[in-house]
Amino acid sequence: MKAIFKLTSIIFLVLYSICCFSQSIEVRGKVLIFDSIPVVNANITVKSTKETIKTNHLGEFKCECNIKDKLIVIAKGFNKYTIKVKKKSNKLIGKLKLAKIPNAAEVAIDKGHILMVDSFRDLAKKYSGQKDYSKYTSFMDIIRNEFPSLQISNGEIIIRGKSSFYGSNAANIEIDGVMTDYAALSSLSPTNIAKIVIVKGSDAAIYGVRGGNGVVKIITKK
């Protein structure tokens, strides 16, 4: 009797599971970036059926899927995102993130995924750490105003103090991953600078001997 009871229970659970997973429901959702900007024409693929639909001009979508299904969201310039469907899901929200590729924001715009272009660009700069240096006339002008703890001596940037008797303590310059000299700074337009990072101390050890006086790391808008 116990064996029959166990077998009956197993069959019941299997049938119940099949019933639950095969139950089709309609779900509605929205795909956003930065919590507020709709992502348009994003591909939404239902994992169980492989059906693909697209988000509309408001980033909204609706589709048929199973309970506990998964929706795969793909859009150029963004990381792939998975939305888990729950039985009580009334409004699904997919919050995308920009992909870690060059010009991810511009890729998304070029592919037609963003209609609120100005707001999107402003937020992309904010979250990427980019700053607007266009109000300055030169790179050294930026250093004087944005990095007051640094010194400028004889056209060089000093991170750790004044030059010693034995040689210059000038920091090294890196532009977009390439070590260069101070002459390159004269042709660098402030409007084309996305980010400036001062690398010093143990963080500069990755540069070896060249990082001894610190490194001024410049990232441009590509």
N, C-alpha and C. Protein backbone atom coordinates (compact mmCIF):
# COMPACT_ATOMS: atom_id res chain seq x y z
N MET A 1 0.81 -1.21 0.00
CA MET A 1 0.00 0.00 0.00
C MET A 1 0.86 1.27 0.00
N LYS A 2 1.93 1.22 0.80
CA LYS A 2 2.83 2.37 0.85
C LYS A 2 3.44 2.65 -0.51
N ALA A 3 3.83 1.59 -1.23
CA ALA A 3 4.44 1.74 -2.55
C ALA A 3 3.45 2.36 -3.52
N ILE A 4 2.19 1.92 -3.45
CA ILE A 4 1.14 2.45 -4.34
C ILE A 4 0.89 3.93 -4.03
N PHE A 5 0.90 4.27 -2.72
CA PHE A 5 0.67 5.66 -2.31
C PHE A 5 1.79 6.57 -2.82
N LYS A 6 3.03 6.09 -2.67
CA LYS A 6 4.17 6.87 -3.14
C LYS A 6 4.12 7.08 -4.65
N LEU A 7 3.79 6.00 -5.38
CA LEU A 7 3.72 6.08 -6.83
C LEU A 7 2.62 7.06 -7.27
N THR A 8 1.47 6.98 -6.57
CA THR A 8 0.35 7.88 -6.88
C THR A 8 0.75 9.34 -6.63
N SER A 9 1.47 9.56 -5.54
CA SER A 9 1.90 10.92 -5.18
C SER A 9 2.86 11.49 -6.23
N ILE A 10 3.80 10.64 -6.67
CA ILE A 10 4.78 11.07 -7.68
C ILE A 10 4.08 11.43 -8.99
N ILE A 11 3.13 10.56 -9.40
CA ILE A 11 2.40 10.83 -10.64
C ILE A 11 1.61 12.13 -10.54
N PHE A 12 1.01 12.36 -9.37
CA PHE A 12 0.24 13.59 -9.16
C PHE A 12 1.13 14.83 -9.27
N LEU A 13 2.32 14.75 -8.62
CA LEU A 13 3.25 15.90 -8.65
C LEU A 13 3.75 16.17 -10.06
N VAL A 14 4.04 15.10 -10.81
CA VAL A 14 4.51 15.26 -12.19
C VAL A 14 3.45 15.92 -13.05
N LEU A 15 2.20 15.41 -12.93
CA LEU A 15 1.10 15.97 -13.71
C LEU A 15 0.82 17.41 -13.33
N TYR A 16 0.94 17.70 -12.03
CA TYR A 16 0.71 19.06 -11.55
C TYR A 16 1.77 20.02 -12.11
N SER A 17 3.04 19.54 -12.10
CA SER A 17 4.13 20.37 -12.62
C SER A 17 3.96 20.63 -14.10
N ILE A 18 3.58 19.58 -14.85
CA ILE A 18 3.38 19.74 -16.29
C ILE A 18 2.27 20.74 -16.57
N CYS A 19 1.21 20.64 -15.76
CA CYS A 19 0.07 21.54 -15.92
C CYS A 19 0.47 22.98 -15.67
N CYS A 20 1.26 23.20 -14.61
CA CYS A 20 1.69 24.56 -14.26
C CYS A 20 2.59 25.16 -15.32
N PHE A 21 3.55 24.36 -15.79
CA PHE A 21 4.52 24.90 -16.74
C PHE A 21 3.94 25.07 -18.13
N SER A 22 2.88 24.29 -18.43
CA SER A 22 2.30 24.38 -19.76
C SER A 22 1.20 25.44 -19.84
N GLN A 23 0.81 25.98 -18.67
CA GLN A 23 -0.24 26.98 -18.64
C GLN A 23 0.26 28.27 -19.27
N SER A 24 -0.40 28.69 -20.33
CA SER A 24 0.02 29.88 -21.06
C SER A 24 -0.65 31.12 -20.48
N ILE A 25 0.13 32.18 -20.27
CA ILE A 25 -0.41 33.43 -19.77
C ILE A 25 0.08 34.58 -20.63
N GLU A 26 -0.65 35.67 -20.63
CA GLU A 26 -0.22 36.88 -21.33
C GLU A 26 0.46 37.81 -20.34
N VAL A 27 1.65 38.25 -20.69
CA VAL A 27 2.38 39.18 -19.82
C VAL A 27 2.66 40.46 -20.59
N ARG A 28 2.73 41.53 -19.85
CA ARG A 28 3.07 42.84 -20.41
C ARG A 28 4.28 43.39 -19.67
N GLY A 29 5.09 44.13 -20.37
CA GLY A 29 6.27 44.66 -19.73
C GLY A 29 6.83 45.88 -20.42
N LYS A 30 7.94 46.35 -19.88
CA LYS A 30 8.58 47.55 -20.41
C LYS A 30 10.09 47.42 -20.24
N VAL A 31 10.83 47.87 -21.25
CA VAL A 31 12.29 47.80 -21.19
C VAL A 31 12.84 49.22 -21.10
N LEU A 32 13.67 49.47 -20.07
CA LEU A 32 14.18 50.81 -19.80
C LEU A 32 15.69 50.81 -19.67
N ILE A 33 16.26 51.99 -19.81
CA ILE A 33 17.67 52.22 -19.49
C ILE A 33 17.71 53.43 -18.56
N PHE A 34 18.54 53.40 -17.54
CA PHE A 34 18.63 54.46 -16.53
C PHE A 34 17.29 54.69 -15.84
N ASP A 35 16.50 53.63 -15.71
CA ASP A 35 15.23 53.62 -14.96
C ASP A 35 14.12 54.48 -15.56
N SER A 36 14.39 55.22 -16.63
CA SER A 36 13.36 56.13 -17.13
C SER A 36 13.27 56.25 -18.64
N ILE A 37 14.31 55.86 -19.37
CA ILE A 37 14.33 56.05 -20.82
C ILE A 37 13.96 54.74 -21.52
N PRO A 38 12.89 54.74 -22.32
CA PRO A 38 12.46 53.53 -23.02
C PRO A 38 13.49 53.05 -24.05
N VAL A 39 13.63 51.74 -24.15
CA VAL A 39 14.48 51.14 -25.18
C VAL A 39 13.56 50.62 -26.28
N VAL A 40 13.68 51.20 -27.45
CA VAL A 40 12.78 50.93 -28.58
C VAL A 40 13.34 49.82 -29.47
N ASN A 41 12.45 49.00 -30.04
CA ASN A 41 12.85 47.94 -30.98
C ASN A 41 13.84 46.94 -30.39
N ALA A 42 13.76 46.74 -29.08
CA ALA A 42 14.56 45.69 -28.45
C ALA A 42 13.91 44.34 -28.74
N ASN A 43 14.68 43.31 -28.97
CA ASN A 43 14.16 41.97 -29.23
C ASN A 43 13.87 41.25 -27.91
N ILE A 44 12.63 40.78 -27.76
CA ILE A 44 12.22 40.01 -26.59
C ILE A 44 11.94 38.58 -27.06
N THR A 45 12.74 37.63 -26.63
CA THR A 45 12.57 36.23 -27.03
C THR A 45 12.06 35.40 -25.87
N VAL A 46 10.93 34.70 -26.09
CA VAL A 46 10.37 33.81 -25.08
C VAL A 46 11.16 32.51 -25.11
N LYS A 47 11.78 32.17 -24.00
CA LYS A 47 12.69 31.02 -23.96
C LYS A 47 12.00 29.71 -24.33
N SER A 48 10.76 29.49 -23.85
CA SER A 48 10.09 28.20 -24.05
C SER A 48 9.62 28.00 -25.49
N THR A 49 9.20 29.07 -26.16
CA THR A 49 8.63 28.95 -27.51
C THR A 49 9.55 29.50 -28.60
N LYS A 50 10.59 30.26 -28.21
CA LYS A 50 11.52 30.90 -29.14
C LYS A 50 10.86 32.02 -29.95
N GLU A 51 9.65 32.39 -29.56
CA GLU A 51 8.97 33.50 -30.24
C GLU A 51 9.67 34.81 -29.90
N THR A 52 9.83 35.69 -30.89
CA THR A 52 10.49 36.98 -30.66
C THR A 52 9.55 38.12 -31.04
N ILE A 53 9.41 39.08 -30.12
CA ILE A 53 8.66 40.29 -30.42
C ILE A 53 9.56 41.49 -30.13
N LYS A 54 9.10 42.70 -30.50
CA LYS A 54 9.90 43.90 -30.30
C LYS A 54 9.16 44.90 -29.41
N THR A 55 9.92 45.70 -28.70
CA THR A 55 9.32 46.76 -27.89
C THR A 55 8.85 47.89 -28.80
N ASN A 56 7.80 48.61 -28.39
CA ASN A 56 7.28 49.71 -29.19
C ASN A 56 8.00 51.02 -28.85
N HIS A 57 7.44 52.15 -29.31
CA HIS A 57 8.10 53.45 -29.12
C HIS A 57 8.15 53.88 -27.66
N LEU A 58 7.40 53.21 -26.80
CA LEU A 58 7.43 53.48 -25.36
C LEU A 58 8.24 52.44 -24.60
N GLY A 59 8.85 51.51 -25.35
CA GLY A 59 9.62 50.44 -24.72
C GLY A 59 8.75 49.32 -24.20
N GLU A 60 7.46 49.33 -24.55
CA GLU A 60 6.52 48.35 -24.03
C GLU A 60 6.42 47.12 -24.93
N PHE A 61 5.99 46.01 -24.34
CA PHE A 61 5.78 44.77 -25.09
C PHE A 61 4.72 43.92 -24.40
N LYS A 62 4.15 42.98 -25.13
CA LYS A 62 3.28 41.97 -24.54
C LYS A 62 3.49 40.67 -25.30
N CYS A 63 3.36 39.56 -24.62
CA CYS A 63 3.58 38.26 -25.27
C CYS A 63 2.91 37.15 -24.46
N GLU A 64 2.81 35.99 -25.10
CA GLU A 64 2.29 34.79 -24.45
C GLU A 64 3.47 33.93 -24.02
N CYS A 65 3.43 33.45 -22.79
CA CYS A 65 4.51 32.58 -22.32
C CYS A 65 3.98 31.70 -21.19
N ASN A 66 4.82 30.84 -20.69
CA ASN A 66 4.44 29.94 -19.60
C ASN A 66 4.79 30.56 -18.25
N ILE A 67 4.11 30.08 -17.22
CA ILE A 67 4.49 30.50 -15.86
C ILE A 67 5.91 30.00 -15.59
N LYS A 68 6.71 30.83 -14.96
CA LYS A 68 8.13 30.55 -14.66
C LYS A 68 8.97 30.48 -15.92
N ASP A 69 8.48 31.10 -16.99
CA ASP A 69 9.24 31.19 -18.23
C ASP A 69 10.31 32.28 -18.08
N LYS A 70 11.13 32.44 -19.10
CA LYS A 70 12.14 33.49 -19.12
C LYS A 70 12.06 34.24 -20.44
N LEU A 71 12.23 35.56 -20.36
CA LEU A 71 12.25 36.41 -21.54
C LEU A 71 13.66 36.98 -21.70
N ILE A 72 14.24 36.78 -22.87
CA ILE A 72 15.61 37.24 -23.13
C ILE A 72 15.53 38.55 -23.92
N VAL A 73 16.11 39.61 -23.36
CA VAL A 73 16.07 40.94 -23.99
C VAL A 73 17.44 41.23 -24.61
N ILE A 74 17.42 41.54 -25.91
CA ILE A 74 18.66 41.85 -26.63
C ILE A 74 18.48 43.13 -27.43
N ALA A 75 19.43 44.06 -27.29
CA ALA A 75 19.43 45.31 -28.07
C ALA A 75 20.88 45.75 -28.24
N LYS A 76 21.22 46.23 -29.42
CA LYS A 76 22.59 46.64 -29.72
C LYS A 76 23.02 47.78 -28.80
N GLY A 77 24.23 47.65 -28.25
CA GLY A 77 24.76 48.66 -27.35
C GLY A 77 24.48 48.39 -25.88
N PHE A 78 23.68 47.32 -25.61
CA PHE A 78 23.32 46.98 -24.23
C PHE A 78 23.71 45.54 -23.91
N ASN A 79 23.88 45.27 -22.63
CA ASN A 79 24.10 43.89 -22.19
C ASN A 79 22.80 43.09 -22.32
N LYS A 80 22.93 41.81 -22.61
CA LYS A 80 21.75 40.94 -22.65
C LYS A 80 21.12 40.88 -21.26
N TYR A 81 19.80 40.86 -21.23
CA TYR A 81 19.08 40.90 -19.96
C TYR A 81 18.01 39.81 -19.94
N THR A 82 17.84 39.15 -18.81
CA THR A 82 16.85 38.10 -18.67
C THR A 82 15.77 38.52 -17.67
N ILE A 83 14.50 38.42 -18.11
CA ILE A 83 13.36 38.72 -17.23
C ILE A 83 12.70 37.40 -16.84
N LYS A 84 12.55 37.16 -15.55
CA LYS A 84 11.89 35.95 -15.07
C LYS A 84 10.39 36.21 -14.92
N VAL A 85 9.59 35.32 -15.49
CA VAL A 85 8.13 35.46 -15.45
C VAL A 85 7.60 34.76 -14.20
N LYS A 86 6.76 35.46 -13.47
CA LYS A 86 6.13 34.88 -12.28
C LYS A 86 4.61 34.88 -12.47
N LYS A 87 3.94 34.01 -11.75
CA LYS A 87 2.50 33.84 -11.93
C LYS A 87 1.74 35.14 -11.69
N LYS A 88 2.21 35.92 -10.70
CA LYS A 88 1.50 37.14 -10.35
C LYS A 88 2.09 38.38 -11.03
N SER A 89 2.89 38.17 -12.08
CA SER A 89 3.52 39.30 -12.77
C SER A 89 2.48 40.07 -13.57
N ASN A 90 2.26 41.32 -13.20
CA ASN A 90 1.34 42.18 -13.95
C ASN A 90 2.10 43.07 -14.93
N LYS A 91 3.21 43.63 -14.45
CA LYS A 91 4.01 44.52 -15.27
C LYS A 91 5.48 44.17 -15.10
N LEU A 92 6.07 43.56 -16.12
CA LEU A 92 7.47 43.18 -16.06
C LEU A 92 8.34 44.36 -16.49
N ILE A 93 9.43 44.56 -15.79
CA ILE A 93 10.35 45.66 -16.11
C ILE A 93 11.73 45.10 -16.38
N GLY A 94 12.27 45.44 -17.56
CA GLY A 94 13.64 45.06 -17.89
C GLY A 94 14.53 46.28 -17.82
N LYS A 95 15.49 46.29 -16.91
CA LYS A 95 16.39 47.45 -16.74
C LYS A 95 17.75 47.11 -17.35
N LEU A 96 17.98 47.62 -18.55
CA LEU A 96 19.21 47.31 -19.27
C LEU A 96 20.38 48.15 -18.79
N LYS A 97 21.57 47.67 -19.12
CA LYS A 97 22.80 48.42 -18.85
C LYS A 97 23.60 48.51 -20.14
N LEU A 98 24.32 49.62 -20.28
CA LEU A 98 25.15 49.79 -21.47
C LEU A 98 26.25 48.73 -21.50
N ALA A 99 26.51 48.22 -22.70
CA ALA A 99 27.57 47.22 -22.85
C ALA A 99 28.93 47.88 -22.68
N LYS A 100 29.90 47.10 -22.23
CA LYS A 100 31.25 47.63 -22.04
C LYS A 100 32.03 47.54 -23.35
N ILE A 101 31.57 48.31 -24.33
CA ILE A 101 32.24 48.39 -25.63
C ILE A 101 32.42 49.86 -25.97
N PRO A 102 33.36 50.20 -26.85
CA PRO A 102 33.54 51.60 -27.23
C PRO A 102 32.25 52.18 -27.82
N ASN A 103 31.90 53.39 -27.39
CA ASN A 103 30.75 54.12 -27.93
C ASN A 103 29.45 53.35 -27.83
N ALA A 104 29.24 52.64 -26.74
CA ALA A 104 28.02 51.84 -26.57
C ALA A 104 26.77 52.71 -26.70
N ALA A 105 26.80 53.90 -26.11
CA ALA A 105 25.63 54.78 -26.17
C ALA A 105 25.32 55.19 -27.60
N GLU A 106 26.36 55.51 -28.37
CA GLU A 106 26.14 55.93 -29.76
C GLU A 106 25.69 54.75 -30.63
N VAL A 107 26.16 53.56 -30.31
CA VAL A 107 25.70 52.36 -31.02
C VAL A 107 24.21 52.18 -30.81
N ALA A 108 23.76 52.34 -29.57
CA ALA A 108 22.33 52.19 -29.25
C ALA A 108 21.49 53.22 -30.00
N ILE A 109 22.01 54.44 -30.10
CA ILE A 109 21.29 55.50 -30.81
C ILE A 109 21.24 55.21 -32.32
N ASP A 110 22.38 54.82 -32.88
CA ASP A 110 22.46 54.53 -34.32
C ASP A 110 21.54 53.38 -34.72
N LYS A 111 21.34 52.41 -33.83
CA LYS A 111 20.48 51.26 -34.14
C LYS A 111 19.00 51.55 -33.91
N GLY A 112 18.69 52.79 -33.52
CA GLY A 112 17.29 53.19 -33.37
C GLY A 112 16.64 52.76 -32.07
N HIS A 113 17.44 52.44 -31.06
CA HIS A 113 16.87 51.97 -29.80
C HIS A 113 16.47 53.11 -28.86
N ILE A 114 16.93 54.33 -29.16
CA ILE A 114 16.69 55.46 -28.26
C ILE A 114 16.03 56.61 -29.02
N LEU A 115 14.90 57.08 -28.50
CA LEU A 115 14.23 58.25 -29.07
C LEU A 115 14.51 59.50 -28.24
N MET A 116 14.69 59.33 -26.93
CA MET A 116 15.02 60.47 -26.05
C MET A 116 16.54 60.65 -26.04
N VAL A 117 17.07 61.09 -27.18
CA VAL A 117 18.52 61.07 -27.40
C VAL A 117 19.27 61.99 -26.44
N ASP A 118 18.83 63.24 -26.28
CA ASP A 118 19.56 64.19 -25.44
C ASP A 118 19.62 63.74 -23.98
N SER A 119 18.47 63.31 -23.45
CA SER A 119 18.44 62.85 -22.06
C SER A 119 19.30 61.60 -21.89
N PHE A 120 19.26 60.72 -22.88
CA PHE A 120 20.04 59.48 -22.84
C PHE A 120 21.53 59.79 -22.82
N ARG A 121 21.97 60.71 -23.68
CA ARG A 121 23.40 61.06 -23.72
C ARG A 121 23.86 61.68 -22.41
N ASP A 122 23.02 62.56 -21.84
CA ASP A 122 23.38 63.20 -20.57
C ASP A 122 23.56 62.17 -19.47
N LEU A 123 22.63 61.21 -19.39
CA LEU A 123 22.72 60.19 -18.35
C LEU A 123 23.87 59.22 -18.61
N ALA A 124 24.14 58.93 -19.88
CA ALA A 124 25.26 58.05 -20.22
C ALA A 124 26.57 58.66 -19.76
N LYS A 125 26.72 59.97 -19.94
CA LYS A 125 27.93 60.66 -19.48
C LYS A 125 28.02 60.64 -17.97
N LYS A 126 26.87 60.88 -17.33
CA LYS A 126 26.85 60.92 -15.86
C LYS A 126 27.27 59.59 -15.25
N TYR A 127 26.72 58.50 -15.77
CA TYR A 127 27.00 57.19 -15.19
C TYR A 127 28.34 56.61 -15.63
N SER A 128 28.91 57.15 -16.70
CA SER A 128 30.22 56.66 -17.15
C SER A 128 31.36 57.44 -16.50
N GLY A 129 31.02 58.48 -15.76
CA GLY A 129 32.04 59.29 -15.11
C GLY A 129 32.61 60.38 -16.00
N GLN A 130 32.02 60.59 -17.18
CA GLN A 130 32.50 61.63 -18.07
C GLN A 130 32.16 63.01 -17.51
N LYS A 131 33.03 63.97 -17.76
CA LYS A 131 32.77 65.34 -17.35
C LYS A 131 32.87 66.26 -18.56
N ASP A 132 32.24 67.42 -18.43
CA ASP A 132 32.28 68.39 -19.51
C ASP A 132 33.37 69.42 -19.21
N TYR A 133 34.47 69.35 -19.98
CA TYR A 133 35.58 70.27 -19.77
C TYR A 133 35.62 71.38 -20.83
N SER A 134 34.53 71.53 -21.57
CA SER A 134 34.52 72.46 -22.70
C SER A 134 34.69 73.92 -22.28
N LYS A 135 34.43 74.24 -21.00
CA LYS A 135 34.56 75.63 -20.56
C LYS A 135 36.01 76.06 -20.39
N TYR A 136 36.94 75.10 -20.43
CA TYR A 136 38.36 75.42 -20.26
C TYR A 136 39.05 75.61 -21.61
N THR A 137 40.12 76.39 -21.59
CA THR A 137 40.82 76.71 -22.85
C THR A 137 41.96 75.75 -23.17
N SER A 138 42.47 75.06 -22.16
CA SER A 138 43.59 74.14 -22.38
C SER A 138 43.58 73.05 -21.32
N PHE A 139 44.40 72.02 -21.54
CA PHE A 139 44.48 70.93 -20.58
C PHE A 139 45.04 71.42 -19.25
N MET A 140 46.07 72.25 -19.30
CA MET A 140 46.66 72.76 -18.07
C MET A 140 45.67 73.63 -17.30
N ASP A 141 44.78 74.29 -18.02
CA ASP A 141 43.73 75.07 -17.37
C ASP A 141 42.79 74.15 -16.59
N ILE A 142 42.53 72.97 -17.15
CA ILE A 142 41.72 71.98 -16.44
C ILE A 142 42.41 71.55 -15.15
N ILE A 143 43.70 71.25 -15.24
CA ILE A 143 44.46 70.80 -14.07
C ILE A 143 44.44 71.85 -12.97
N ARG A 144 44.63 73.11 -13.34
CA ARG A 144 44.66 74.19 -12.34
C ARG A 144 43.35 74.31 -11.59
N ASN A 145 42.23 74.11 -12.30
CA ASN A 145 40.92 74.35 -11.70
C ASN A 145 40.25 73.10 -11.12
N GLU A 146 40.48 71.95 -11.75
CA GLU A 146 39.82 70.73 -11.32
C GLU A 146 40.66 69.89 -10.36
N PHE A 147 41.98 70.09 -10.38
CA PHE A 147 42.88 69.29 -9.54
C PHE A 147 43.84 70.22 -8.80
N PRO A 148 43.34 71.01 -7.86
CA PRO A 148 44.17 72.00 -7.17
C PRO A 148 45.30 71.40 -6.33
N SER A 149 45.21 70.11 -6.00
CA SER A 149 46.26 69.48 -5.20
C SER A 149 47.52 69.20 -6.02
N LEU A 150 47.40 69.26 -7.34
CA LEU A 150 48.55 69.04 -8.20
C LEU A 150 49.28 70.36 -8.44
N GLN A 151 50.55 70.24 -8.81
CA GLN A 151 51.37 71.43 -9.10
C GLN A 151 51.76 71.43 -10.57
N ILE A 152 51.87 72.63 -11.12
CA ILE A 152 52.38 72.78 -12.48
C ILE A 152 53.68 73.57 -12.40
N SER A 153 54.75 72.97 -12.85
CA SER A 153 56.07 73.59 -12.78
C SER A 153 56.80 73.40 -14.10
N ASN A 154 57.18 74.49 -14.72
CA ASN A 154 57.89 74.44 -16.01
C ASN A 154 57.12 73.63 -17.06
N GLY A 155 55.81 73.79 -17.05
CA GLY A 155 54.99 73.09 -18.04
C GLY A 155 54.79 71.61 -17.76
N GLU A 156 55.16 71.17 -16.55
CA GLU A 156 54.98 69.77 -16.17
C GLU A 156 54.05 69.67 -14.96
N ILE A 157 53.43 68.49 -14.81
CA ILE A 157 52.51 68.25 -13.70
C ILE A 157 53.21 67.45 -12.62
N ILE A 158 53.20 67.97 -11.40
CA ILE A 158 53.87 67.31 -10.29
C ILE A 158 52.81 66.77 -9.33
N ILE A 159 52.88 65.47 -9.07
CA ILE A 159 51.92 64.86 -8.17
C ILE A 159 52.46 64.77 -6.75
N ARG A 160 53.74 64.44 -6.62
CA ARG A 160 54.28 64.16 -5.28
C ARG A 160 55.07 65.31 -4.67
N GLY A 161 55.23 66.39 -5.34
CA GLY A 161 56.00 67.49 -4.79
C GLY A 161 56.89 68.12 -5.84
N LYS A 162 57.69 69.06 -5.44
CA LYS A 162 58.56 69.78 -6.38
C LYS A 162 59.70 68.90 -6.88
N SER A 163 60.30 69.30 -7.98
CA SER A 163 61.41 68.53 -8.56
C SER A 163 62.58 68.46 -7.59
N SER A 164 63.23 67.32 -7.58
CA SER A 164 64.38 67.13 -6.68
C SER A 164 65.67 67.53 -7.39
N PHE A 165 66.74 67.55 -6.63
CA PHE A 165 68.05 67.90 -7.17
C PHE A 165 68.50 66.87 -8.22
N TYR A 166 68.03 65.64 -8.08
CA TYR A 166 68.51 64.55 -8.94
C TYR A 166 67.70 64.39 -10.23
N GLY A 167 66.62 65.12 -10.38
CA GLY A 167 65.84 64.99 -11.61
C GLY A 167 64.41 65.43 -11.42
N SER A 168 63.65 65.37 -12.50
CA SER A 168 62.26 65.82 -12.47
C SER A 168 61.35 64.81 -11.79
N ASN A 169 60.39 65.34 -11.06
CA ASN A 169 59.37 64.50 -10.44
C ASN A 169 58.07 64.57 -11.24
N ALA A 170 58.16 64.97 -12.50
CA ALA A 170 56.97 65.15 -13.32
C ALA A 170 56.24 63.83 -13.53
N ALA A 171 54.94 63.89 -13.45
CA ALA A 171 54.11 62.71 -13.70
C ALA A 171 54.17 62.34 -15.17
N ASN A 172 53.98 61.07 -15.46
CA ASN A 172 53.91 60.63 -16.84
C ASN A 172 52.50 60.86 -17.38
N ILE A 173 52.39 60.91 -18.70
CA ILE A 173 51.11 61.19 -19.35
C ILE A 173 50.69 59.98 -20.18
N GLU A 174 49.43 59.57 -19.98
CA GLU A 174 48.86 58.48 -20.77
C GLU A 174 47.57 58.97 -21.42
N ILE A 175 47.47 58.83 -22.74
CA ILE A 175 46.26 59.22 -23.47
C ILE A 175 45.69 57.99 -24.16
N ASP A 176 44.49 57.60 -23.76
CA ASP A 176 43.80 56.43 -24.34
C ASP A 176 44.68 55.18 -24.34
N GLY A 177 45.37 54.98 -23.20
CA GLY A 177 46.16 53.76 -23.04
C GLY A 177 47.56 53.81 -23.60
N VAL A 178 47.96 54.95 -24.18
CA VAL A 178 49.29 55.08 -24.78
C VAL A 178 50.09 56.13 -24.02
N MET A 179 51.26 55.74 -23.53
CA MET A 179 52.14 56.69 -22.85
C MET A 179 52.70 57.68 -23.86
N THR A 180 52.66 58.96 -23.52
CA THR A 180 53.12 59.99 -24.45
C THR A 180 53.87 61.08 -23.68
N ASP A 181 54.27 62.14 -24.38
CA ASP A 181 55.00 63.22 -23.72
C ASP A 181 54.10 64.45 -23.55
N TYR A 182 54.63 65.47 -22.90
CA TYR A 182 53.85 66.66 -22.60
C TYR A 182 53.49 67.46 -23.85
N ALA A 183 54.24 67.28 -24.92
CA ALA A 183 53.95 68.00 -26.16
C ALA A 183 52.56 67.65 -26.69
N ALA A 184 52.11 66.41 -26.41
CA ALA A 184 50.81 65.96 -26.91
C ALA A 184 49.67 66.73 -26.24
N LEU A 185 49.92 67.29 -25.05
CA LEU A 185 48.86 67.99 -24.33
C LEU A 185 48.46 69.30 -25.00
N SER A 186 49.40 69.91 -25.72
CA SER A 186 49.12 71.21 -26.35
C SER A 186 48.09 71.09 -27.47
N SER A 187 47.99 69.91 -28.07
CA SER A 187 47.04 69.72 -29.17
C SER A 187 45.76 69.01 -28.71
N LEU A 188 45.64 68.80 -27.40
CA LEU A 188 44.48 68.09 -26.86
C LEU A 188 43.39 69.09 -26.52
N SER A 189 42.25 68.99 -27.21
CA SER A 189 41.14 69.91 -26.98
C SER A 189 40.34 69.50 -25.74
N PRO A 190 40.07 70.44 -24.82
CA PRO A 190 39.27 70.12 -23.63
C PRO A 190 37.90 69.53 -23.96
N THR A 191 37.31 69.94 -25.07
CA THR A 191 35.99 69.43 -25.45
C THR A 191 36.03 67.96 -25.83
N ASN A 192 37.23 67.44 -26.13
CA ASN A 192 37.38 66.05 -26.55
C ASN A 192 37.80 65.14 -25.40
N ILE A 193 37.89 65.68 -24.18
CA ILE A 193 38.31 64.88 -23.02
C ILE A 193 37.07 64.37 -22.28
N ALA A 194 37.02 63.06 -22.08
CA ALA A 194 35.89 62.45 -21.38
C ALA A 194 36.18 62.27 -19.89
N LYS A 195 37.44 61.96 -19.56
CA LYS A 195 37.77 61.64 -18.17
C LYS A 195 39.25 61.82 -17.92
N ILE A 196 39.58 62.27 -16.72
CA ILE A 196 40.98 62.40 -16.29
C ILE A 196 41.13 61.69 -14.95
N VAL A 197 42.08 60.78 -14.88
CA VAL A 197 42.31 60.01 -13.65
C VAL A 197 43.76 60.21 -13.21
N ILE A 198 43.95 60.55 -11.94
CA ILE A 198 45.29 60.69 -11.39
C ILE A 198 45.67 59.38 -10.71
N VAL A 199 46.66 58.71 -11.25
CA VAL A 199 47.10 57.41 -10.72
C VAL A 199 48.39 57.61 -9.93
N LYS A 200 48.38 57.21 -8.67
CA LYS A 200 49.58 57.41 -7.84
C LYS A 200 49.70 56.31 -6.80
N GLY A 201 50.81 56.32 -6.10
CA GLY A 201 51.03 55.33 -5.06
C GLY A 201 51.07 53.91 -5.60
N SER A 202 50.49 52.98 -4.84
CA SER A 202 50.52 51.57 -5.22
C SER A 202 49.74 51.32 -6.51
N ASP A 203 48.75 52.18 -6.81
CA ASP A 203 47.97 52.01 -8.04
C ASP A 203 48.82 52.20 -9.28
N ALA A 204 49.90 52.98 -9.15
CA ALA A 204 50.76 53.26 -10.29
C ALA A 204 51.81 52.16 -10.52
N ALA A 205 51.81 51.15 -9.66
CA ALA A 205 52.81 50.08 -9.78
C ALA A 205 52.68 49.31 -11.08
N ILE A 206 51.49 49.29 -11.66
CA ILE A 206 51.30 48.55 -12.92
C ILE A 206 52.09 49.18 -14.07
N TYR A 207 52.53 50.43 -13.88
CA TYR A 207 53.31 51.11 -14.91
C TYR A 207 54.82 50.88 -14.75
N GLY A 208 55.19 50.16 -13.69
CA GLY A 208 56.61 49.90 -13.46
C GLY A 208 57.36 51.16 -13.09
N VAL A 209 58.58 51.29 -13.60
CA VAL A 209 59.42 52.43 -13.30
C VAL A 209 58.77 53.73 -13.74
N ARG A 210 58.04 53.68 -14.86
CA ARG A 210 57.42 54.88 -15.41
C ARG A 210 56.34 55.45 -14.49
N GLY A 211 55.83 54.62 -13.59
CA GLY A 211 54.79 55.10 -12.68
C GLY A 211 55.32 55.65 -11.38
N GLY A 212 56.63 55.74 -11.25
CA GLY A 212 57.24 56.20 -10.00
C GLY A 212 56.78 57.57 -9.56
N ASN A 213 56.57 58.49 -10.51
CA ASN A 213 56.11 59.84 -10.19
C ASN A 213 54.61 60.01 -10.39
N GLY A 214 53.93 58.90 -10.58
CA GLY A 214 52.50 58.97 -10.82
C GLY A 214 52.19 59.14 -12.30
N VAL A 215 50.94 58.94 -12.66
CA VAL A 215 50.53 59.02 -14.06
C VAL A 215 49.23 59.82 -14.16
N VAL A 216 49.19 60.74 -15.11
CA VAL A 216 47.96 61.45 -15.44
C VAL A 216 47.33 60.71 -16.61
N LYS A 217 46.23 60.03 -16.33
CA LYS A 217 45.57 59.17 -17.32
C LYS A 217 44.40 59.93 -17.95
N ILE A 218 44.45 60.09 -19.26
CA ILE A 218 43.43 60.84 -19.99
C ILE A 218 42.66 59.91 -20.93
N ILE A 219 41.34 59.99 -20.86
CA ILE A 219 40.48 59.21 -21.75
C ILE A 219 39.69 60.20 -22.59
N THR A 220 39.79 60.06 -23.90
CA THR A 220 39.10 60.98 -24.80
C THR A 220 37.78 60.43 -25.27
N LYS A 221 36.95 61.31 -25.82
CA LYS A 221 35.68 60.90 -26.41
C LYS A 221 35.98 60.37 -27.79
N LYS A 222 35.81 59.07 -27.97
CA LYS A 222 36.17 58.43 -29.24
C LYS A 222 34.99 58.54 -30.19
